[in-house]
PDB file of N, CA and C in Angstrom:
ATOM      1  N   UNK A   1     -63.351  22.872  -5.080  1.00  0.00           N
ATOM      2  CA  UNK A   1     -63.996  22.641  -6.425  1.00  0.00           C
ATOM      3  C   UNK A   1     -64.900  21.423  -6.342  1.00  0.00           C
ATOM      4  N   UNK A   2     -66.004  21.522  -7.129  1.00  0.00           N
ATOM      5  CA  UNK A   2     -66.981  20.446  -7.158  1.00  0.00           C
ATOM      6  C   UNK A   2     -66.292  19.180  -7.661  1.00  0.00           C
ATOM      7  N   UNK A   3     -66.945  18.064  -7.268  1.00  0.00           N
ATOM      8  CA  UNK A   3     -66.475  16.753  -7.773  1.00  0.00           C
ATOM      9  C   UNK A   3     -67.592  15.802  -8.185  1.00  0.00           C
ATOM     10  N   UNK A   4     -67.396  14.914  -8.943  1.00  0.00           N
ATOM     11  CA  UNK A   4     -68.212  13.854  -9.408  1.00  0.00           C
ATOM     12  C   UNK A   4     -67.927  12.530  -8.839  1.00  0.00           C
ATOM     13  N   UNK A   5     -68.927  11.769  -8.288  1.00  0.00           N
ATOM     14  CA  UNK A   5     -68.688  10.483  -7.834  1.00  0.00           C
ATOM     15  C   UNK A   5     -69.268   9.528  -8.959  1.00  0.00           C
ATOM     16  N   UNK A   6     -68.449   8.685  -9.566  1.00  0.00           N
ATOM     17  CA  UNK A   6     -68.930   7.945 -10.767  1.00  0.00           C
ATOM     18  C   UNK A   6     -68.835   6.483 -10.541  1.00  0.00           C
ATOM     19  N   UNK A   7     -69.903   5.676 -10.570  1.00  0.00           N
ATOM     20  CA  UNK A   7     -69.957   4.373 -10.322  1.00  0.00           C
ATOM     21  C   UNK A   7     -70.381   3.643 -11.511  1.00  0.00           C
ATOM     22  N   UNK A   8     -69.740   2.574 -11.852  1.00  0.00           N
ATOM     23  CA  UNK A   8     -70.011   1.525 -12.887  1.00  0.00           C
ATOM     24  C   UNK A   8     -70.429   0.202 -12.224  1.00  0.00           C
ATOM     25  N   UNK A   9     -71.482  -0.317 -12.443  1.00  0.00           N
ATOM     26  CA  UNK A   9     -72.011  -1.382 -11.649  1.00  0.00           C
ATOM     27  C   UNK A   9     -72.651  -2.487 -12.605  1.00  0.00           C
ATOM     28  N   UNK A  10     -72.351  -3.776 -12.205  1.00  0.00           N
ATOM     29  CA  UNK A  10     -73.148  -4.883 -12.713  1.00  0.00           C
ATOM     30  C   UNK A  10     -73.671  -5.501 -11.437  1.00  0.00           C
ATOM     31  N   UNK A  11     -75.075  -5.527 -11.437  1.00  0.00           N
ATOM     32  CA  UNK A  11     -75.726  -6.091 -10.378  1.00  0.00           C
ATOM     33  C   UNK A  11     -75.887  -7.626 -10.460  1.00  0.00           C
ATOM     34  N   UNK A  12     -75.493  -8.342  -9.451  1.00  0.00           N
ATOM     35  CA  UNK A  12     -75.650  -9.862  -9.569  1.00  0.00           C
ATOM     36  C   UNK A  12     -76.762 -10.415  -8.588  1.00  0.00           C
ATOM     37  N   UNK A  13     -77.209  -9.540  -7.795  1.00  0.00           N
ATOM     38  CA  UNK A  13     -78.249  -9.979  -6.747  1.00  0.00           C
ATOM     39  C   UNK A  13     -79.183  -8.789  -6.595  1.00  0.00           C
ATOM     40  N   UNK A  14     -80.284  -8.721  -7.367  1.00  0.00           N
ATOM     41  CA  UNK A  14     -81.176  -7.608  -7.372  1.00  0.00           C
ATOM     42  C   UNK A  14     -81.737  -7.261  -6.036  1.00  0.00           C
ATOM     43  N   UNK A  15     -82.137  -8.244  -5.232  1.00  0.00           N
ATOM     44  CA  UNK A  15     -82.837  -8.041  -3.987  1.00  0.00           C
ATOM     45  C   UNK A  15     -81.830  -7.353  -2.974  1.00  0.00           C
ATOM     46  N   UNK A  16     -80.613  -7.866  -2.847  1.00  0.00           N
ATOM     47  CA  UNK A  16     -79.668  -7.267  -1.909  1.00  0.00           C
ATOM     48  C   UNK A  16     -79.159  -5.875  -2.440  1.00  0.00           C
ATOM     49  N   UNK A  17     -79.039  -5.666  -3.734  1.00  0.00           N
ATOM     50  CA  UNK A  17     -78.591  -4.439  -4.302  1.00  0.00           C
ATOM     51  C   UNK A  17     -79.738  -3.409  -4.117  1.00  0.00           C
ATOM     52  N   UNK A  18     -80.944  -3.878  -4.129  1.00  0.00           N
ATOM     53  CA  UNK A  18     -82.072  -2.947  -3.841  1.00  0.00           C
ATOM     54  C   UNK A  18     -81.993  -2.359  -2.422  1.00  0.00           C
ATOM     55  N   UNK A  19     -81.639  -3.212  -1.512  1.00  0.00           N
ATOM     56  CA  UNK A  19     -81.374  -2.745  -0.095  1.00  0.00           C
ATOM     57  C   UNK A  19     -80.289  -1.655  -0.118  1.00  0.00           C
ATOM     58  N   UNK A  20     -79.140  -1.944  -0.840  1.00  0.00           N
ATOM     59  CA  UNK A  20     -78.041  -0.876  -0.937  1.00  0.00           C
ATOM     60  C   UNK A  20     -78.721   0.397  -1.467  1.00  0.00           C
ATOM     61  N   UNK A  21     -79.418   0.370  -2.549  1.00  0.00           N
ATOM     62  CA  UNK A  21     -79.890   1.551  -3.203  1.00  0.00           C
ATOM     63  C   UNK A  21     -80.768   2.331  -2.358  1.00  0.00           C
ATOM     64  N   UNK A  22     -81.648   1.622  -1.526  1.00  0.00           N
ATOM     65  CA  UNK A  22     -82.515   2.361  -0.670  1.00  0.00           C
ATOM     66  C   UNK A  22     -81.805   3.120   0.488  1.00  0.00           C
ATOM     67  N   UNK A  23     -80.691   2.661   0.903  1.00  0.00           N
ATOM     68  CA  UNK A  23     -79.838   3.255   1.932  1.00  0.00           C
ATOM     69  C   UNK A  23     -78.826   4.251   1.420  1.00  0.00           C
ATOM     70  N   UNK A  24     -78.340   3.924   0.188  1.00  0.00           N
ATOM     71  CA  UNK A  24     -77.285   4.722  -0.384  1.00  0.00           C
ATOM     72  C   UNK A  24     -77.784   6.165  -0.684  1.00  0.00           C
ATOM     73  N   UNK A  25     -79.051   6.294  -1.217  1.00  0.00           N
ATOM     74  CA  UNK A  25     -79.523   7.527  -1.684  1.00  0.00           C
ATOM     75  C   UNK A  25     -79.553   8.577  -0.436  1.00  0.00           C
ATOM     76  N   UNK A  26     -80.179   8.216   0.612  1.00  0.00           N
ATOM     77  CA  UNK A  26     -80.221   9.167   1.758  1.00  0.00           C
ATOM     78  C   UNK A  26     -78.756   9.424   2.276  1.00  0.00           C
ATOM     79  N   UNK A  27     -77.877   8.469   2.178  1.00  0.00           N
ATOM     80  CA  UNK A  27     -76.425   8.723   2.714  1.00  0.00           C
ATOM     81  C   UNK A  27     -75.866   9.786   1.826  1.00  0.00           C
ATOM     82  N   UNK A  28     -75.983   9.642   0.475  1.00  0.00           N
ATOM     83  CA  UNK A  28     -75.372  10.570  -0.447  1.00  0.00           C
ATOM     84  C   UNK A  28     -76.006  12.011  -0.173  1.00  0.00           C
ATOM     85  N   UNK A  29     -77.353  12.093   0.006  1.00  0.00           N
ATOM     86  CA  UNK A  29     -78.035  13.384   0.255  1.00  0.00           C
ATOM     87  C   UNK A  29     -77.562  13.953   1.518  1.00  0.00           C
ATOM     88  N   UNK A  30     -77.423  13.181   2.631  1.00  0.00           N
ATOM     89  CA  UNK A  30     -76.839  13.669   3.851  1.00  0.00           C
ATOM     90  C   UNK A  30     -75.606  14.351   3.776  1.00  0.00           C
ATOM     91  N   UNK A  31     -74.690  13.890   2.763  1.00  0.00           N
ATOM     92  CA  UNK A  31     -73.399  14.433   2.601  1.00  0.00           C
ATOM     93  C   UNK A  31     -73.451  15.615   1.506  1.00  0.00           C
ATOM     94  N   UNK A  32     -74.526  16.054   1.058  1.00  0.00           N
ATOM     95  CA  UNK A  32     -74.657  17.053   0.191  1.00  0.00           C
ATOM     96  C   UNK A  32     -74.552  16.684  -1.302  1.00  0.00           C
ATOM     97  N   UNK A  33     -74.584  15.305  -1.565  1.00  0.00           N
ATOM     98  CA  UNK A  33     -74.490  14.819  -2.867  1.00  0.00           C
ATOM     99  C   UNK A  33     -75.873  14.916  -3.698  1.00  0.00           C
ATOM    100  N   UNK A  34     -75.822  15.173  -4.890  1.00  0.00           N
ATOM    101  CA  UNK A  34     -77.029  15.188  -5.679  1.00  0.00           C
ATOM    102  C   UNK A  34     -76.786  14.211  -6.932  1.00  0.00           C
ATOM    103  N   UNK A  35     -77.758  13.337  -7.194  1.00  0.00           N
ATOM    104  CA  UNK A  35     -77.573  12.521  -8.407  1.00  0.00           C
ATOM    105  C   UNK A  35     -77.850  13.198  -9.606  1.00  0.00           C
ATOM    106  N   UNK A  36     -76.973  13.070 -10.621  1.00  0.00           N
ATOM    107  CA  UNK A  36     -77.346  13.753 -11.870  1.00  0.00           C
ATOM    108  C   UNK A  36     -77.417  12.600 -13.062  1.00  0.00           C
ATOM    109  N   UNK A  37     -77.149  11.386 -12.675  1.00  0.00           N
ATOM    110  CA  UNK A  37     -77.499  10.232 -13.591  1.00  0.00           C
ATOM    111  C   UNK A  37     -77.580   9.055 -12.656  1.00  0.00           C
ATOM    112  N   UNK A  38     -78.590   8.243 -13.003  1.00  0.00           N
ATOM    113  CA  UNK A  38     -78.679   7.015 -12.163  1.00  0.00           C
ATOM    114  C   UNK A  38     -79.325   5.956 -13.015  1.00  0.00           C
ATOM    115  N   UNK A  39     -78.507   5.034 -13.615  1.00  0.00           N
ATOM    116  CA  UNK A  39     -78.943   3.909 -14.328  1.00  0.00           C
ATOM    117  C   UNK A  39     -79.733   4.238 -15.604  1.00  0.00           C
ATOM    118  N   UNK A  40     -79.484   5.322 -16.207  1.00  0.00           N
ATOM    119  CA  UNK A  40     -80.184   5.714 -17.487  1.00  0.00           C
ATOM    120  C   UNK A  40     -79.498   5.179 -18.628  1.00  0.00           C
ATOM    121  N   UNK A  41     -79.996   5.539 -19.769  1.00  0.00           N
ATOM    122  CA  UNK A  41     -79.348   5.098 -21.071  1.00  0.00           C
ATOM    123  C   UNK A  41     -77.976   5.500 -21.263  1.00  0.00           C
ATOM    124  N   UNK A  42     -77.135   4.599 -21.795  1.00  0.00           N
ATOM    125  CA  UNK A  42     -75.809   4.931 -21.995  1.00  0.00           C
ATOM    126  C   UNK A  42     -75.252   4.209 -23.257  1.00  0.00           C
ATOM    127  N   UNK A  43     -74.116   4.660 -23.692  1.00  0.00           N
ATOM    128  CA  UNK A  43     -73.388   3.903 -24.836  1.00  0.00           C
ATOM    129  C   UNK A  43     -72.021   3.589 -24.307  1.00  0.00           C
ATOM    130  N   UNK A  44     -71.645   2.356 -24.363  1.00  0.00           N
ATOM    131  CA  UNK A  44     -70.322   1.948 -23.907  1.00  0.00           C
ATOM    132  C   UNK A  44     -69.445   1.966 -25.056  1.00  0.00           C
ATOM    133  N   UNK A  45     -68.405   2.828 -25.052  1.00  0.00           N
ATOM    134  CA  UNK A  45     -67.398   2.962 -26.176  1.00  0.00           C
ATOM    135  C   UNK A  45     -66.098   2.258 -25.893  1.00  0.00           C
ATOM    136  N   UNK A  46     -65.678   2.123 -24.604  1.00  0.00           N
ATOM    137  CA  UNK A  46     -64.406   1.489 -24.350  1.00  0.00           C
ATOM    138  C   UNK A  46     -64.603   0.777 -22.974  1.00  0.00           C
ATOM    139  N   UNK A  47     -63.763  -0.171 -22.733  1.00  0.00           N
ATOM    140  CA  UNK A  47     -63.664  -0.795 -21.385  1.00  0.00           C
ATOM    141  C   UNK A  47     -64.768  -1.732 -21.068  1.00  0.00           C
ATOM    142  N   UNK A  48     -64.786  -2.166 -19.870  1.00  0.00           N
ATOM    143  CA  UNK A  48     -65.799  -3.186 -19.380  1.00  0.00           C
ATOM    144  C   UNK A  48     -67.094  -2.650 -19.364  1.00  0.00           C
ATOM    145  N   UNK A  49     -68.039  -3.297 -20.034  1.00  0.00           N
ATOM    146  CA  UNK A  49     -69.450  -2.759 -19.936  1.00  0.00           C
ATOM    147  C   UNK A  49     -70.091  -3.040 -18.546  1.00  0.00           C
ATOM    148  N   UNK A  50     -70.614  -2.145 -17.992  1.00  0.00           N
ATOM    149  CA  UNK A  50     -71.317  -2.258 -16.666  1.00  0.00           C
ATOM    150  C   UNK A  50     -72.727  -1.594 -16.913  1.00  0.00           C
ATOM    151  N   UNK A  51     -73.803  -2.286 -16.870  1.00  0.00           N
ATOM    152  CA  UNK A  51     -75.154  -1.852 -17.195  1.00  0.00           C
ATOM    153  C   UNK A  51     -75.764  -0.785 -16.347  1.00  0.00           C
ATOM    154  N   UNK A  52     -75.191  -0.593 -15.223  1.00  0.00           N
ATOM    155  CA  UNK A  52     -75.779   0.472 -14.356  1.00  0.00           C
ATOM    156  C   UNK A  52     -74.643   1.433 -14.122  1.00  0.00           C
ATOM    157  N   UNK A  53     -74.902   2.737 -14.333  1.00  0.00           N
ATOM    158  CA  UNK A  53     -73.906   3.829 -14.250  1.00  0.00           C
ATOM    159  C   UNK A  53     -74.604   4.899 -13.444  1.00  0.00           C
ATOM    160  N   UNK A  54     -73.787   5.331 -12.424  1.00  0.00           N
ATOM    161  CA  UNK A  54     -74.391   6.414 -11.560  1.00  0.00           C
ATOM    162  C   UNK A  54     -73.401   7.587 -11.372  1.00  0.00           C
ATOM    163  N   UNK A  55     -73.870   8.795 -11.437  1.00  0.00           N
ATOM    164  CA  UNK A  55     -73.058   9.961 -11.294  1.00  0.00           C
ATOM    165  C   UNK A  55     -73.727  10.858 -10.195  1.00  0.00           C
ATOM    166  N   UNK A  56     -72.954  11.173  -9.219  1.00  0.00           N
ATOM    167  CA  UNK A  56     -73.560  12.116  -8.194  1.00  0.00           C
ATOM    168  C   UNK A  56     -72.517  13.310  -8.057  1.00  0.00           C
ATOM    169  N   UNK A  57     -73.058  14.525  -7.819  1.00  0.00           N
ATOM    170  CA  UNK A  57     -72.224  15.683  -7.748  1.00  0.00           C
ATOM    171  C   UNK A  57     -72.078  16.107  -6.240  1.00  0.00           C
ATOM    172  N   UNK A  58     -70.872  16.440  -5.798  1.00  0.00           N
ATOM    173  CA  UNK A  58     -70.633  16.849  -4.420  1.00  0.00           C
ATOM    174  C   UNK A  58     -69.880  18.152  -4.536  1.00  0.00           C
ATOM    175  N   UNK A  59     -69.854  18.774  -3.367  1.00  0.00           N
ATOM    176  CA  UNK A  59     -69.177  20.086  -3.255  1.00  0.00           C
ATOM    177  C   UNK A  59     -67.721  20.073  -3.512  1.00  0.00           C
ATOM    178  N   UNK A  60     -67.163  18.838  -3.134  1.00  0.00           N
ATOM    179  CA  UNK A  60     -65.637  18.688  -3.281  1.00  0.00           C
ATOM    180  C   UNK A  60     -65.310  17.240  -3.237  1.00  0.00           C
ATOM    181  N   UNK A  61     -64.069  16.951  -3.664  1.00  0.00           N
ATOM    182  CA  UNK A  61     -63.539  15.614  -3.572  1.00  0.00           C
ATOM    183  C   UNK A  61     -63.675  15.083  -2.091  1.00  0.00           C
ATOM    184  N   UNK A  62     -63.299  15.991  -1.216  1.00  0.00           N
ATOM    185  CA  UNK A  62     -63.362  15.690   0.261  1.00  0.00           C
ATOM    186  C   UNK A  62     -64.684  15.313   0.748  1.00  0.00           C
ATOM    187  N   UNK A  63     -65.718  16.093   0.290  1.00  0.00           N
ATOM    188  CA  UNK A  63     -67.061  15.743   0.610  1.00  0.00           C
ATOM    189  C   UNK A  63     -67.528  14.445   0.110  1.00  0.00           C
ATOM    190  N   UNK A  64     -67.191  14.084  -1.127  1.00  0.00           N
ATOM    191  CA  UNK A  64     -67.606  12.805  -1.721  1.00  0.00           C
ATOM    192  C   UNK A  64     -66.803  11.643  -0.968  1.00  0.00           C
ATOM    193  N   UNK A  65     -65.668  11.912  -0.678  1.00  0.00           N
ATOM    194  CA  UNK A  65     -64.839  10.874   0.096  1.00  0.00           C
ATOM    195  C   UNK A  65     -65.305  10.630   1.471  1.00  0.00           C
ATOM    196  N   UNK A  66     -65.715  11.739   2.110  1.00  0.00           N
ATOM    197  CA  UNK A  66     -66.383  11.701   3.536  1.00  0.00           C
ATOM    198  C   UNK A  66     -67.704  10.864   3.383  1.00  0.00           C
ATOM    199  N   UNK A  67     -68.462  11.108   2.427  1.00  0.00           N
ATOM    200  CA  UNK A  67     -69.696  10.355   2.255  1.00  0.00           C
ATOM    201  C   UNK A  67     -69.321   8.851   2.103  1.00  0.00           C
ATOM    202  N   UNK A  68     -68.445   8.485   1.268  1.00  0.00           N
ATOM    203  CA  UNK A  68     -68.047   7.081   1.040  1.00  0.00           C
ATOM    204  C   UNK A  68     -67.674   6.445   2.357  1.00  0.00           C
ATOM    205  N   UNK A  69     -66.861   7.119   3.194  1.00  0.00           N
ATOM    206  CA  UNK A  69     -66.430   6.487   4.460  1.00  0.00           C
ATOM    207  C   UNK A  69     -67.330   6.678   5.608  1.00  0.00           C
ATOM    208  N   UNK A  70     -68.485   7.325   5.356  1.00  0.00           N
ATOM    209  CA  UNK A  70     -69.486   7.612   6.469  1.00  0.00           C
ATOM    210  C   UNK A  70     -70.107   6.252   6.896  1.00  0.00           C
ATOM    211  N   UNK A  71     -70.549   6.278   8.192  1.00  0.00           N
ATOM    212  CA  UNK A  71     -71.260   4.990   8.690  1.00  0.00           C
ATOM    213  C   UNK A  71     -72.569   4.725   7.900  1.00  0.00           C
ATOM    214  N   UNK A  72     -73.190   5.733   7.506  1.00  0.00           N
ATOM    215  CA  UNK A  72     -74.425   5.524   6.682  1.00  0.00           C
ATOM    216  C   UNK A  72     -74.181   4.837   5.354  1.00  0.00           C
ATOM    217  N   UNK A  73     -73.173   5.364   4.643  1.00  0.00           N
ATOM    218  CA  UNK A  73     -72.858   4.779   3.316  1.00  0.00           C
ATOM    219  C   UNK A  73     -72.249   3.381   3.474  1.00  0.00           C
ATOM    220  N   UNK A  74     -71.448   3.163   4.467  1.00  0.00           N
ATOM    221  CA  UNK A  74     -70.804   1.932   4.687  1.00  0.00           C
ATOM    222  C   UNK A  74     -71.844   0.846   4.998  1.00  0.00           C
ATOM    223  N   UNK A  75     -72.857   1.205   5.848  1.00  0.00           N
ATOM    224  CA  UNK A  75     -74.086   0.290   6.050  1.00  0.00           C
ATOM    225  C   UNK A  75     -74.734  -0.095   4.725  1.00  0.00           C
ATOM    226  N   UNK A  76     -74.904   0.933   3.875  1.00  0.00           N
ATOM    227  CA  UNK A  76     -75.499   0.609   2.623  1.00  0.00           C
ATOM    228  C   UNK A  76     -74.671  -0.288   1.786  1.00  0.00           C
ATOM    229  N   UNK A  77     -73.386   0.039   1.722  1.00  0.00           N
ATOM    230  CA  UNK A  77     -72.334  -0.773   0.943  1.00  0.00           C
ATOM    231  C   UNK A  77     -72.384  -2.290   1.422  1.00  0.00           C
ATOM    232  N   UNK A  78     -72.576  -2.464   2.690  1.00  0.00           N
ATOM    233  CA  UNK A  78     -72.647  -3.824   3.091  1.00  0.00           C
ATOM    234  C   UNK A  78     -73.553  -4.762   2.216  1.00  0.00           C
ATOM    235  N   UNK A  79     -74.630  -4.148   1.711  1.00  0.00           N
ATOM    236  CA  UNK A  79     -75.662  -4.838   0.903  1.00  0.00           C
ATOM    237  C   UNK A  79     -75.154  -4.993  -0.552  1.00  0.00           C
ATOM    238  N   UNK A  80     -74.310  -4.059  -0.984  1.00  0.00           N
ATOM    239  CA  UNK A  80     -73.766  -4.138  -2.390  1.00  0.00           C
ATOM    240  C   UNK A  80     -72.666  -5.138  -2.533  1.00  0.00           C
ATOM    241  N   UNK A  81     -71.849  -5.354  -1.469  1.00  0.00           N
ATOM    242  CA  UNK A  81     -70.733  -6.344  -1.527  1.00  0.00           C
ATOM    243  C   UNK A  81     -71.372  -7.705  -1.761  1.00  0.00           C
ATOM    244  N   UNK A  82     -70.845  -8.435  -2.678  1.00  0.00           N
ATOM    245  CA  UNK A  82     -71.436  -9.712  -3.045  1.00  0.00           C
ATOM    246  C   UNK A  82     -72.656  -9.700  -3.871  1.00  0.00           C
ATOM    247  N   UNK A  83     -73.287  -8.498  -4.069  1.00  0.00           N
ATOM    248  CA  UNK A  83     -74.403  -8.361  -4.909  1.00  0.00           C
ATOM    249  C   UNK A  83     -74.175  -7.603  -6.186  1.00  0.00           C
ATOM    250  N   UNK A  84     -72.865  -7.233  -6.396  1.00  0.00           N
ATOM    251  CA  UNK A  84     -72.557  -6.425  -7.545  1.00  0.00           C
ATOM    252  C   UNK A  84     -71.035  -6.513  -7.747  1.00  0.00           C
ATOM    253  N   UNK A  85     -70.667  -6.141  -8.966  1.00  0.00           N
ATOM    254  CA  UNK A  85     -69.270  -5.960  -9.381  1.00  0.00           C
ATOM    255  C   UNK A  85     -69.333  -4.477  -9.718  1.00  0.00           C
ATOM    256  N   UNK A  86     -68.331  -3.642  -9.094  1.00  0.00           N
ATOM    257  CA  UNK A  86     -68.385  -2.207  -9.148  1.00  0.00           C
ATOM    258  C   UNK A  86     -67.003  -1.572  -9.391  1.00  0.00           C
ATOM    259  N   UNK A  87     -66.977  -0.468 -10.010  1.00  0.00           N
ATOM    260  CA  UNK A  87     -65.856   0.474 -10.006  1.00  0.00           C
ATOM    261  C   UNK A  87     -66.490   1.769  -9.483  1.00  0.00           C
ATOM    262  N   UNK A  88     -65.747   2.389  -8.621  1.00  0.00           N
ATOM    263  CA  UNK A  88     -66.224   3.821  -8.089  1.00  0.00           C
ATOM    264  C   UNK A  88     -65.004   4.692  -8.094  1.00  0.00           C
ATOM    265  N   UNK A  89     -65.196   5.881  -8.578  1.00  0.00           N
ATOM    266  CA  UNK A  89     -64.163   6.827  -8.533  1.00  0.00           C
ATOM    267  C   UNK A  89     -64.743   8.289  -8.251  1.00  0.00           C
ATOM    268  N   UNK A  90     -63.882   9.110  -7.823  1.00  0.00           N
ATOM    269  CA  UNK A  90     -64.250  10.468  -7.509  1.00  0.00           C
ATOM    270  C   UNK A  90     -63.312  11.360  -8.264  1.00  0.00           C
ATOM    271  N   UNK A  91     -63.884  12.336  -9.086  1.00  0.00           N
ATOM    272  CA  UNK A  91     -63.030  13.076  -9.863  1.00  0.00           C
ATOM    273  C   UNK A  91     -63.500  14.615  -9.792  1.00  0.00           C
ATOM    274  N   UNK A  92     -62.485  15.481  -9.522  1.00  0.00           N
ATOM    275  CA  UNK A  92     -62.779  16.897  -9.450  1.00  0.00           C
ATOM    276  C   UNK A  92     -63.206  17.431 -10.800  1.00  0.00           C
ATOM    277  N   UNK A  93     -64.244  18.372 -10.747  1.00  0.00           N
ATOM    278  CA  UNK A  93     -64.715  19.030 -11.939  1.00  0.00           C
ATOM    279  C   UNK A  93     -63.862  20.193 -12.191  1.00  0.00           C
ATOM    280  N   UNK A  94     -63.344  20.451 -13.355  1.00  0.00           N
ATOM    281  CA  UNK A  94     -62.536  21.657 -13.722  1.00  0.00           C
ATOM    282  C   UNK A  94     -63.491  22.636 -14.248  1.00  0.00           C
ATOM    283  N   UNK A  95     -63.922  23.560 -13.314  1.00  0.00           N
ATOM    284  CA  UNK A  95     -64.799  24.644 -13.738  1.00  0.00           C
ATOM    285  C   UNK A  95     -64.149  25.921 -13.912  1.00  0.00           C
TER     286      UNK A  95
END
């Protein structure tokens, strides 16, 4: 079943996070992920407000998790650590 990768982010270092973003996109694409929302307009109704919200669709939970653990994405993530506060989850789509 398809899955969504959902990230909620507060960027604390724009330059370093920009390096992450430039590397993360190709890593996600390499693993079959497609972005369906990336930093667009949002309304925070509950919980901690994070001004950057990203949603990517993958073929499965396993594909999304494989992307996260891949060398390409981990290299990108090195730039996000210390440059952002983030929550990231993967959820299966009930279709």
